[in-house]
């Protein structure tokens, strides 16, 4: 017979220190409160800005 323990849910930042789980839950709830259309538009605009900046960097860094 195998017994599996319930895994604990823990949030860690990139330094490995545990962060406040109440704050992490608040952030998740805050982001999920936005409509799907807003999030799609927000990330699409961000992606377009990144692509424009990459093209601009490549254009400005070429040898003359």
Protein backbone atom coordinates (compact mmCIF):
# COMPACT_ATOMS: atom_id res chain seq x y z
CA UNK A 1 0.00 0.00 0.00
CA UNK A 2 1.29 3.45 -0.88
CA UNK A 3 0.51 6.57 1.04
CA UNK A 4 0.91 9.90 -0.66
CA UNK A 5 1.03 12.99 1.45
CA UNK A 6 -0.80 16.06 0.35
CA UNK A 7 1.80 18.42 -1.14
CA UNK A 8 2.02 21.74 0.59
CA UNK A 9 1.42 24.75 -1.58
CA UNK A 10 4.26 27.16 -1.10
CA UNK A 11 5.24 30.23 -3.09
CA UNK A 12 8.94 31.00 -3.47
CA UNK A 13 10.68 33.91 -5.10
CA UNK A 14 13.80 33.45 -7.20
CA UNK A 15 16.03 33.58 -4.10
CA UNK A 16 14.25 30.61 -2.56
CA UNK A 17 12.76 32.60 0.31
CA UNK A 18 9.14 31.94 1.06
CA UNK A 19 6.84 34.85 0.29
CA UNK A 20 3.64 35.78 2.05
CA UNK A 21 0.98 33.33 0.77
CA UNK A 22 -1.80 35.85 1.48
CA UNK A 23 -0.08 38.39 -0.77
CA UNK A 24 0.42 35.76 -3.48
CA UNK A 25 -3.27 34.85 -3.31
CA UNK A 26 -4.20 38.55 -3.49
CA UNK A 27 -2.05 39.02 -6.62
CA UNK A 28 -3.62 35.98 -8.29
CA UNK A 29 -7.13 37.15 -7.42
CA UNK A 30 -6.34 40.70 -8.59
CA UNK A 31 -5.05 39.55 -11.99
CA UNK A 32 -7.89 37.08 -12.46
CA UNK A 33 -10.42 39.85 -11.78
CA UNK A 34 -9.58 41.48 -15.12
CA UNK A 35 -11.61 40.48 -18.15
CA UNK A 36 -10.08 38.13 -20.70
CA UNK A 37 -10.33 40.73 -23.45
CA UNK A 38 -8.37 43.27 -21.40
CA UNK A 39 -5.60 40.75 -20.69
CA UNK A 40 -5.39 39.73 -24.35
CA UNK A 41 -5.17 43.37 -25.47
CA UNK A 42 -2.62 44.18 -22.74
CA UNK A 43 -0.27 41.33 -23.64
CA UNK A 44 -0.73 41.88 -27.38
CA UNK A 45 0.26 45.53 -27.06
CA UNK A 46 3.24 44.52 -24.91
CA UNK A 47 4.32 41.94 -27.48
CA UNK A 48 4.06 44.47 -30.31
CA UNK A 49 6.12 46.99 -28.32
CA UNK A 50 8.83 44.39 -27.69
CA UNK A 51 8.95 43.45 -31.40
CA UNK A 52 9.21 47.14 -32.39
CA UNK A 53 12.02 47.68 -29.87
CA UNK A 54 13.94 44.63 -31.13
CA UNK A 55 13.64 45.85 -34.72
CA UNK A 56 14.69 49.34 -33.65
CA UNK A 57 17.74 47.98 -31.80
CA UNK A 58 18.74 45.89 -34.81
CA UNK A 59 18.26 48.85 -37.13
CA UNK A 60 20.30 51.21 -34.95
CA UNK A 61 23.08 48.72 -34.26
CA UNK A 62 23.88 47.90 -37.90
CA UNK A 63 27.20 48.99 -39.25
CA UNK A 64 27.19 52.02 -41.48
